[in-house]
C-alpha atoms as a PDB file:
ATOM      1  CA  MET A   1       6.218 -41.844   5.715  1.00  0.00           C
ATOM      2  CA  GLY A   2       7.223 -41.882   2.055  1.00  0.00           C
ATOM      3  CA  GLU A   3       6.669 -38.136   1.600  1.00  0.00           C
ATOM      4  CA  SER A   4       8.782 -37.226   4.619  1.00  0.00           C
ATOM      5  CA  LEU A   5      11.666 -39.419   3.515  1.00  0.00           C
ATOM      6  CA  ASN A   6      11.444 -38.088  -0.021  1.00  0.00           C
ATOM      7  CA  ARG A   7      11.633 -34.550   1.364  1.00  0.00           C
ATOM      8  CA  MET A   8      14.860 -35.387   3.206  1.00  0.00           C
ATOM      9  CA  ARG A   9      16.434 -37.412   0.424  1.00  0.00           C
ATOM     10  CA  THR A  10      15.849 -35.081  -2.515  1.00  0.00           C
ATOM     11  CA  SER A  11      19.327 -35.050  -3.878  1.00  0.00           C
ATOM     12  CA  ASP A  12      19.695 -31.322  -3.874  1.00  0.00           C
ATOM     13  CA  SER A  13      23.069 -32.831  -2.998  1.00  0.00           C
ATOM     14  CA  GLN A  14      22.826 -33.928   0.590  1.00  0.00           C
ATOM     15  CA  ALA A  15      26.610 -33.654   0.793  1.00  0.00           C
ATOM     16  CA  GLY A  16      26.409 -30.021  -0.351  1.00  0.00           C
ATOM     17  CA  ILE A  17      23.670 -29.216   2.138  1.00  0.00           C
ATOM     18  CA  LYS A  18      25.589 -30.876   4.968  1.00  0.00           C
ATOM     19  CA  GLU A  19      28.762 -28.976   3.982  1.00  0.00           C
ATOM     20  CA  ARG A  20      26.843 -25.687   4.127  1.00  0.00           C
ATOM     21  CA  ILE A  21      25.352 -26.517   7.532  1.00  0.00           C
ATOM     22  CA  ALA A  22      28.815 -27.487   8.795  1.00  0.00           C
ATOM     23  CA  ARG A  23      30.229 -24.137   7.638  1.00  0.00           C
ATOM     24  CA  PHE A  24      27.373 -22.257   9.343  1.00  0.00           C
ATOM     25  CA  TRP A  25      27.840 -24.176  12.594  1.00  0.00           C
ATOM     26  CA  THR A  26      31.627 -23.704  12.480  1.00  0.00           C
ATOM     27  CA  ALA A  27      31.172 -19.966  11.891  1.00  0.00           C
ATOM     28  CA  TYR A  28      28.752 -19.806  14.805  1.00  0.00           C
ATOM     29  CA  PHE A  29      31.241 -21.426  17.179  1.00  0.00           C
ATOM     30  CA  LEU A  30      34.127 -19.299  15.918  1.00  0.00           C
ATOM     31  CA  ASN A  31      32.064 -16.150  16.439  1.00  0.00           C
ATOM     32  CA  THR A  32      31.355 -17.162  20.025  1.00  0.00           C
ATOM     33  CA  GLY A  33      35.064 -17.566  20.697  1.00  0.00           C
ATOM     34  CA  ARG A  34      35.009 -21.373  20.643  1.00  0.00           C
ATOM     35  CA  PRO A  35      37.275 -22.697  17.877  1.00  0.00           C
ATOM     36  CA  VAL A  36      35.425 -25.783  16.716  1.00  0.00           C
ATOM     37  CA  THR A  37      35.543 -27.246  13.228  1.00  0.00           C
ATOM     38  CA  ILE A  38      32.470 -29.177  12.141  1.00  0.00           C
ATOM     39  CA  THR A  39      32.438 -31.260   8.978  1.00  0.00           C
ATOM     40  CA  ALA A  40      29.622 -32.497   6.767  1.00  0.00           C
ATOM     41  CA  SER A  41      30.054 -35.922   8.387  1.00  0.00           C
ATOM     42  CA  ASP A  42      29.254 -34.361  11.787  1.00  0.00           C
ATOM     43  CA  VAL A  43      25.928 -32.844  10.729  1.00  0.00           C
ATOM     44  CA  SER A  44      23.767 -35.984  10.542  1.00  0.00           C
ATOM     45  CA  PRO A  45      24.836 -37.342  13.963  1.00  0.00           C
ATOM     46  CA  MET A  46      24.266 -33.927  15.538  1.00  0.00           C
ATOM     47  CA  MET A  47      20.832 -33.629  13.960  1.00  0.00           C
ATOM     48  CA  ARG A  48      19.978 -37.143  15.163  1.00  0.00           C
ATOM     49  CA  LEU A  49      20.984 -36.137  18.693  1.00  0.00           C
ATOM     50  CA  MET A  50      18.694 -33.112  18.455  1.00  0.00           C
ATOM     51  CA  LYS A  51      15.817 -35.368  17.385  1.00  0.00           C
ATOM     52  CA  GLU A  52      16.591 -37.830  20.194  1.00  0.00           C
ATOM     53  CA  ALA A  53      16.460 -34.964  22.698  1.00  0.00           C
ATOM     54  CA  ARG A  54      13.114 -33.873  21.268  1.00  0.00           C
ATOM     55  CA  LEU A  55      11.790 -37.438  21.452  1.00  0.00           C
ATOM     56  CA  CYS A  56      12.618 -37.512  25.168  1.00  0.00           C
ATOM     57  CA  GLU A  57       9.983 -34.787  25.574  1.00  0.00           C
ATOM     58  CA  THR A  58       7.477 -36.018  22.990  1.00  0.00           C
ATOM     59  CA  PRO A  59       8.103 -39.737  22.348  1.00  0.00           C
ATOM     60  CA  ASP A  60       4.839 -40.045  20.410  1.00  0.00           C
ATOM     61  CA  HIS A  61       5.739 -37.376  17.817  1.00  0.00           C
ATOM     62  CA  TYR A  62       5.693 -39.336  14.552  1.00  0.00           C
ATOM     63  CA  ASP A  63       7.548 -36.767  12.424  1.00  0.00           C
ATOM     64  CA  SER A  64      10.522 -36.779  14.796  1.00  0.00           C
ATOM     65  CA  HIS A  65      10.858 -40.541  14.301  1.00  0.00           C
ATOM     66  CA  VAL A  66      10.660 -40.105  10.537  1.00  0.00           C
ATOM     67  CA  ASP A  67      13.217 -37.292  10.662  1.00  0.00           C
ATOM     68  CA  LEU A  68      15.537 -39.492  12.711  1.00  0.00           C
ATOM     69  CA  VAL A  69      15.464 -42.137   9.971  1.00  0.00           C
ATOM     70  CA  GLY A  70      15.977 -39.473   7.313  1.00  0.00           C
ATOM     71  CA  TYR A  71      19.033 -38.016   9.052  1.00  0.00           C
ATOM     72  CA  THR A  72      20.482 -41.502   9.350  1.00  0.00           C
ATOM     73  CA  LEU A  73      19.984 -42.160   5.630  1.00  0.00           C
ATOM     74  CA  THR A  74      21.414 -38.822   4.540  1.00  0.00           C
ATOM     75  CA  GLY A  75      24.363 -39.385   6.879  1.00  0.00           C
ATOM     76  CA  ALA A  76      25.035 -42.673   5.133  1.00  0.00           C
ATOM     77  CA  GLU A  77      24.858 -40.896   1.782  1.00  0.00           C
ATOM     78  CA  VAL A  78      27.242 -38.128   2.833  1.00  0.00           C
ATOM     79  CA  ASN A  79      29.712 -40.727   4.121  1.00  0.00           C
ATOM     80  CA  GLY A  80      29.519 -42.826   0.956  1.00  0.00           C
ATOM     81  CA  VAL A  81      27.899 -45.872   2.534  1.00  0.00           C
ATOM     82  CA  GLN A  82      26.774 -48.324  -0.127  1.00  0.00           C
ATOM     83  CA  GLY A  83      23.581 -50.298   0.439  1.00  0.00           C
END
């Protein structure tokens, strides 16, 4: 599990990565005619929901559980949660 978490937590600035994803998702929605603004703080919860949906199909998929933890930790980092 350590390697997977390290992969997700490499501080290639998680906030910067989440900002970029938010801009891509916002652009996607705007280009489909749906004016939605997504922020960096929205990215981790949305990614966790995607993983939860995947786990409904494959509840024994270890990497999805690890990813779920990683998205939670990076979400905390983006939102400035102190541990």
